[in-house]
Structures are given as structure tokens and as C-alpha cells.
Amino acid sequence: MNLDVLEKVKKKALDEHIPIIMDETLEIIKEYLEKEKPNRILEIGTAVGYSASQFVRLAGNQVKIDTIELDENRANEAIENIKNIGISENINVIIGNAVDILPTLSKTYDVVFIDANKGKYPVFLKEAIRMSHKGTIIFADNILYKGYVLSDYNKHKQRTAVRHLREYIADSIENENLNTQILKVGDGLAISIVK
């Protein structure tokens, strides 16, 4: 695994303002991945492949990741990045809309990482639960969305995203099959463990 290339992917993403996982969020996830050593991870929202590549680094070479990206250009950049890092055999990039793709997947995953369209988070949660087993960990990144979710924020531009993120939090906390905590790390991270 070429860590120099991974660093370059990170730098380029930051320079180009492409949203990637924050270091402090990755630190939290790292603890789970190193401890659990998952075999199968589902990622919703590939961007340029940075987080999926980090997950391989942290979880170990046995891990297989399915990652879904809507933006074809980003997905192709991710495929190229993953190839250059040397972990193509670990990561399968699926190009398309996660809302359409998720119902077609029938695997069971040890970890699900959600970091895509904020307005679709409740849909992603339902699908993640469907493909879980006892002990599956579901992470939802940017769950507090610049602090808007916990405030009385109601501006038109982000209203739908904020409403759906609040719905995700409520759904994950009220679901008796999940043990959920919300951390104020990075832009907010929800961690749900399937009971």
C-alpha cells in the first residue's frame, strides 16, 4: 500500500475543496476498525476514494469494501487513486445513485459508512440496517452539519438536509435494535451498533 500516494490524494482533495473525512473523525473510526478487523465494509459516498483507502489501511488487507459514488468523474478519479495506492483488489467502486443501488445489494456488512447526500440519510439508514448483522457498526458522518442540526436553523437553502439529518438521529436513537451515540467530533459522527 503506497501511503505517499494516499497523502497526495488527501492534499489534492483538500486543495480542490472536495469533502473528505476529517482527521479527527477518522481517529474515532480507527479505534473500531483496528479492534473489530471487519471483513466487509459498505461505504455510501466514495468521493475520490480517500476514506475507503484509509479504511483498508486501518482494517487490514483482508477487508473488502463496496463503495458507491453518484458523480462519475469523481468515481473514475477514485478508481485511479485506489489503483495507484495499490489496493484495487480491496475496493469495488460502484457508480450510480445509492438510493437505486442499495436495494439491489444482498450482502451483509460488518461496517457501514454513510457520507453522501444528507437529504437521503434516513433511506441510507434503513438500507444499512437491512444489510447488517448483530454487531454491525453504522457510522454516519457530518450528522451535525455545521452545527445546524442542533440549532434552531431554518434557512431555506439547507432546510431539507437539516430536517433529514434530524430524522436520521431520531430514527437511530429510537430504534430498539440499535445502540446509538452522537459525537461532536469533526462535523458530527453518529455511531450505531446493531444489537
Protein backbone atom coordinates (compact mmCIF):
# COMPACT_ATOMS: atom_id res chain seq x y z
CA MET A 1 0.00 0.00 0.00
CA ASN A 2 1.52 3.28 -1.13
CA LEU A 3 0.99 5.76 1.71
CA ASP A 4 2.72 8.58 -0.19
CA VAL A 5 0.04 8.38 -2.88
CA LEU A 6 -2.65 8.31 -0.18
CA GLU A 7 -1.23 11.54 1.27
CA LYS A 8 -1.22 13.13 -2.21
CA VAL A 9 -4.88 12.13 -2.68
CA LYS A 10 -5.69 13.84 0.63
CA LYS A 11 -3.77 17.01 -0.26
CA LYS A 12 -5.35 17.29 -3.71
CA ALA A 13 -8.86 16.79 -2.26
CA LEU A 14 -8.27 19.50 0.36
CA ASP A 15 -6.78 21.87 -2.25
CA GLU A 16 -9.80 21.34 -4.50
CA HIS A 17 -12.32 21.58 -1.63
CA ILE A 18 -13.57 18.05 -2.23
CA PRO A 19 -15.18 16.90 1.03
CA ILE A 20 -13.19 14.06 2.61
CA ILE A 21 -13.29 12.52 6.06
CA MET A 22 -11.78 14.77 8.73
CA ASP A 23 -8.71 13.57 10.62
CA GLU A 24 -10.47 13.64 14.00
CA THR A 25 -13.42 11.64 12.64
CA LEU A 26 -11.02 9.11 11.15
CA GLU A 27 -9.29 8.79 14.55
CA ILE A 28 -12.58 7.66 16.15
CA ILE A 29 -13.35 5.19 13.35
CA LYS A 30 -9.76 3.91 13.52
CA GLU A 31 -10.37 2.54 17.04
CA TYR A 32 -13.32 0.47 15.81
CA LEU A 33 -11.61 -0.78 12.64
CA GLU A 34 -8.40 -1.81 14.38
CA LYS A 35 -10.31 -3.57 17.15
CA GLU A 36 -13.02 -5.27 15.04
CA LYS A 37 -10.95 -6.06 11.90
CA PRO A 38 -14.06 -6.11 9.67
CA ASN A 39 -14.14 -8.29 6.56
CA ARG A 40 -16.81 -6.33 4.66
CA ILE A 41 -17.40 -2.59 4.63
CA LEU A 42 -20.07 -0.68 2.71
CA GLU A 43 -19.37 2.98 2.02
CA ILE A 44 -22.06 5.30 0.70
CA GLY A 45 -20.26 8.24 -0.89
CA THR A 46 -16.83 7.46 -2.35
CA ALA A 47 -15.73 10.96 -3.45
CA VAL A 48 -12.10 10.43 -4.55
CA GLY A 49 -11.56 7.18 -2.63
CA TYR A 50 -9.68 8.68 0.31
CA SER A 51 -11.79 7.30 3.18
CA ALA A 52 -12.12 3.83 1.63
CA SER A 53 -8.33 3.72 1.22
CA GLN A 54 -7.86 4.74 4.84
CA PHE A 55 -10.30 2.01 5.92
CA VAL A 56 -8.16 -0.61 4.15
CA ARG A 57 -5.07 0.76 5.90
CA LEU A 58 -6.76 0.58 9.31
CA ALA A 59 -8.83 -2.61 8.97
CA GLY A 60 -6.16 -4.72 7.30
CA ASN A 61 -5.67 -6.41 3.97
CA GLN A 62 -8.48 -8.97 4.50
CA VAL A 63 -11.12 -6.25 4.17
CA LYS A 64 -13.34 -5.91 1.08
CA ILE A 65 -15.10 -2.61 0.53
CA ASP A 66 -18.07 -1.82 -1.70
CA THR A 67 -18.31 1.94 -2.19
CA ILE A 68 -20.98 3.85 -4.10
CA GLU A 69 -20.44 7.19 -5.88
CA LEU A 70 -23.01 9.17 -7.85
CA ASP A 71 -20.58 11.54 -9.61
CA GLU A 72 -19.00 9.60 -12.47
CA ASN A 73 -15.92 11.84 -12.73
CA ARG A 74 -15.23 11.53 -9.02
CA ALA A 75 -15.79 7.77 -9.16
CA ASN A 76 -13.30 7.42 -12.01
CA GLU A 77 -10.79 9.56 -10.10
CA ALA A 78 -11.36 7.30 -7.07
CA ILE A 79 -10.73 4.16 -9.16
CA GLU A 80 -7.48 5.68 -10.44
CA ASN A 81 -6.40 6.75 -6.93
CA ILE A 82 -7.17 3.32 -5.47
CA LYS A 83 -5.18 1.66 -8.26
CA ASN A 84 -2.19 3.98 -7.64
CA ILE A 85 -2.33 3.29 -3.90
CA GLY A 86 -2.21 -0.41 -4.79
CA ILE A 87 -5.44 -1.65 -3.20
CA SER A 88 -7.75 -2.24 -6.18
CA GLU A 89 -8.36 -5.82 -5.02
CA ASN A 90 -9.79 -4.48 -1.74
CA ILE A 91 -12.15 -1.81 -3.07
CA ASN A 92 -15.06 -2.14 -5.50
CA VAL A 93 -16.33 1.26 -6.74
CA ILE A 94 -19.97 1.21 -7.85
CA ILE A 95 -21.01 4.19 -9.97
CA GLY A 96 -24.60 5.38 -9.62
CA ASN A 97 -27.24 6.68 -7.25
CA ALA A 98 -27.06 4.93 -3.87
CA VAL A 99 -30.85 5.21 -3.50
CA ASP A 100 -31.21 2.95 -6.56
CA ILE A 101 -28.17 0.73 -5.95
CA LEU A 102 -28.60 -0.12 -2.26
CA PRO A 103 -31.83 -2.15 -2.69
CA THR A 104 -30.02 -4.33 -5.28
CA LEU A 105 -27.26 -5.32 -2.82
CA SER A 106 -27.77 -8.51 -0.87
CA LYS A 107 -24.51 -8.85 1.08
CA THR A 108 -24.15 -8.45 4.82
CA TYR A 109 -21.64 -5.90 6.07
CA ASP A 110 -19.63 -5.58 9.29
CA VAL A 111 -19.32 -1.80 8.94
CA VAL A 112 -21.36 0.77 7.00
CA PHE A 113 -20.01 4.30 6.48
CA ILE A 114 -22.54 6.91 5.33
CA ASP A 115 -21.17 10.13 3.86
CA ALA A 116 -23.30 11.14 0.88
CA ASN A 117 -26.44 13.17 0.12
CA LYS A 118 -27.57 14.48 3.52
CA GLY A 119 -31.21 14.54 2.40
CA LYS A 120 -31.13 10.75 1.90
CA TYR A 121 -29.62 9.74 5.26
CA PRO A 122 -32.87 8.17 6.61
CA VAL A 123 -33.09 6.00 3.45
CA PHE A 124 -29.43 5.01 3.82
CA LEU A 125 -30.01 4.04 7.47
CA LYS A 126 -32.90 1.70 6.57
CA GLU A 127 -30.78 0.00 3.90
CA ALA A 128 -27.77 -0.21 6.22
CA ILE A 129 -29.88 -1.94 8.88
CA ARG A 130 -31.23 -4.36 6.26
CA MET A 131 -27.67 -5.42 5.35
CA SER A 132 -26.45 -5.68 8.95
CA HIS A 133 -25.93 -8.46 11.44
CA LYS A 134 -25.61 -8.37 15.22
CA GLY A 135 -22.56 -6.22 15.93
CA THR A 136 -22.53 -4.32 12.63
CA ILE A 137 -21.35 -0.74 13.16
CA ILE A 138 -23.06 2.04 11.20
CA PHE A 139 -21.22 5.36 11.02
CA ALA A 140 -22.92 8.49 9.67
CA ASP A 141 -20.55 11.38 9.03
CA ASN A 142 -21.43 15.12 9.07
CA ILE A 143 -24.51 14.30 11.12
CA LEU A 144 -24.48 17.70 12.89
CA TYR A 145 -23.93 19.57 9.60
CA LYS A 146 -22.01 22.71 10.63
CA GLY A 147 -23.97 22.80 13.89
CA TYR A 148 -27.27 23.47 12.10
CA VAL A 149 -28.87 20.20 13.20
CA LEU A 150 -28.75 21.02 16.92
CA SER A 151 -29.67 24.70 16.48
CA ASP A 152 -32.98 26.29 15.50
CA TYR A 153 -31.61 26.71 11.98
CA ASN A 154 -34.37 27.09 9.43
CA LYS A 155 -32.94 28.85 6.37
CA HIS A 156 -34.49 27.66 3.13
CA LYS A 157 -31.26 26.58 1.41
CA GLN A 158 -30.30 23.80 3.83
CA ARG A 159 -33.68 23.15 5.44
CA THR A 160 -34.32 19.77 3.78
CA ALA A 161 -30.85 18.40 4.61
CA VAL A 162 -31.14 19.55 8.23
CA ARG A 163 -34.64 18.04 8.57
CA HIS A 164 -33.46 14.68 7.20
CA LEU A 165 -30.37 14.61 9.41
CA ARG A 166 -32.57 15.28 12.45
CA GLU A 167 -34.82 12.44 11.25
CA TYR A 168 -31.77 10.14 10.95
CA ILE A 169 -30.72 10.94 14.52
CA ALA A 170 -34.25 10.33 15.83
CA ASP A 171 -34.61 7.08 13.86
CA SER A 172 -31.25 5.73 15.01
CA ILE A 173 -31.78 6.65 18.67
CA GLU A 174 -35.38 5.41 18.85
CA ASN A 175 -34.67 2.11 17.04
CA GLU A 176 -34.58 -0.53 19.77
CA ASN A 177 -32.28 -2.71 17.64
CA LEU A 178 -29.59 -0.03 17.62
CA ASN A 179 -27.33 1.35 20.28
CA THR A 180 -26.54 4.87 19.03
CA GLN A 181 -24.30 7.67 20.19
CA ILE A 182 -23.79 11.07 18.56
CA LEU A 183 -20.29 12.53 18.86
CA LYS A 184 -19.44 16.19 18.31
CA VAL A 185 -16.26 15.23 16.52
CA GLY A 186 -15.44 16.75 13.13
CA ASP A 187 -18.81 17.77 11.69
CA GLY A 188 -20.62 15.28 13.89
CA LEU A 189 -20.47 11.49 13.80
CA ALA A 190 -23.32 9.10 14.61
CA ILE A 191 -22.22 5.61 15.66
CA SER A 192 -24.88 2.91 15.79
CA ILE A 193 -24.14 -0.68 16.78
CA VAL A 194 -26.71 -3.28 15.77
CA LYS A 195 -27.92 -5.30 18.79
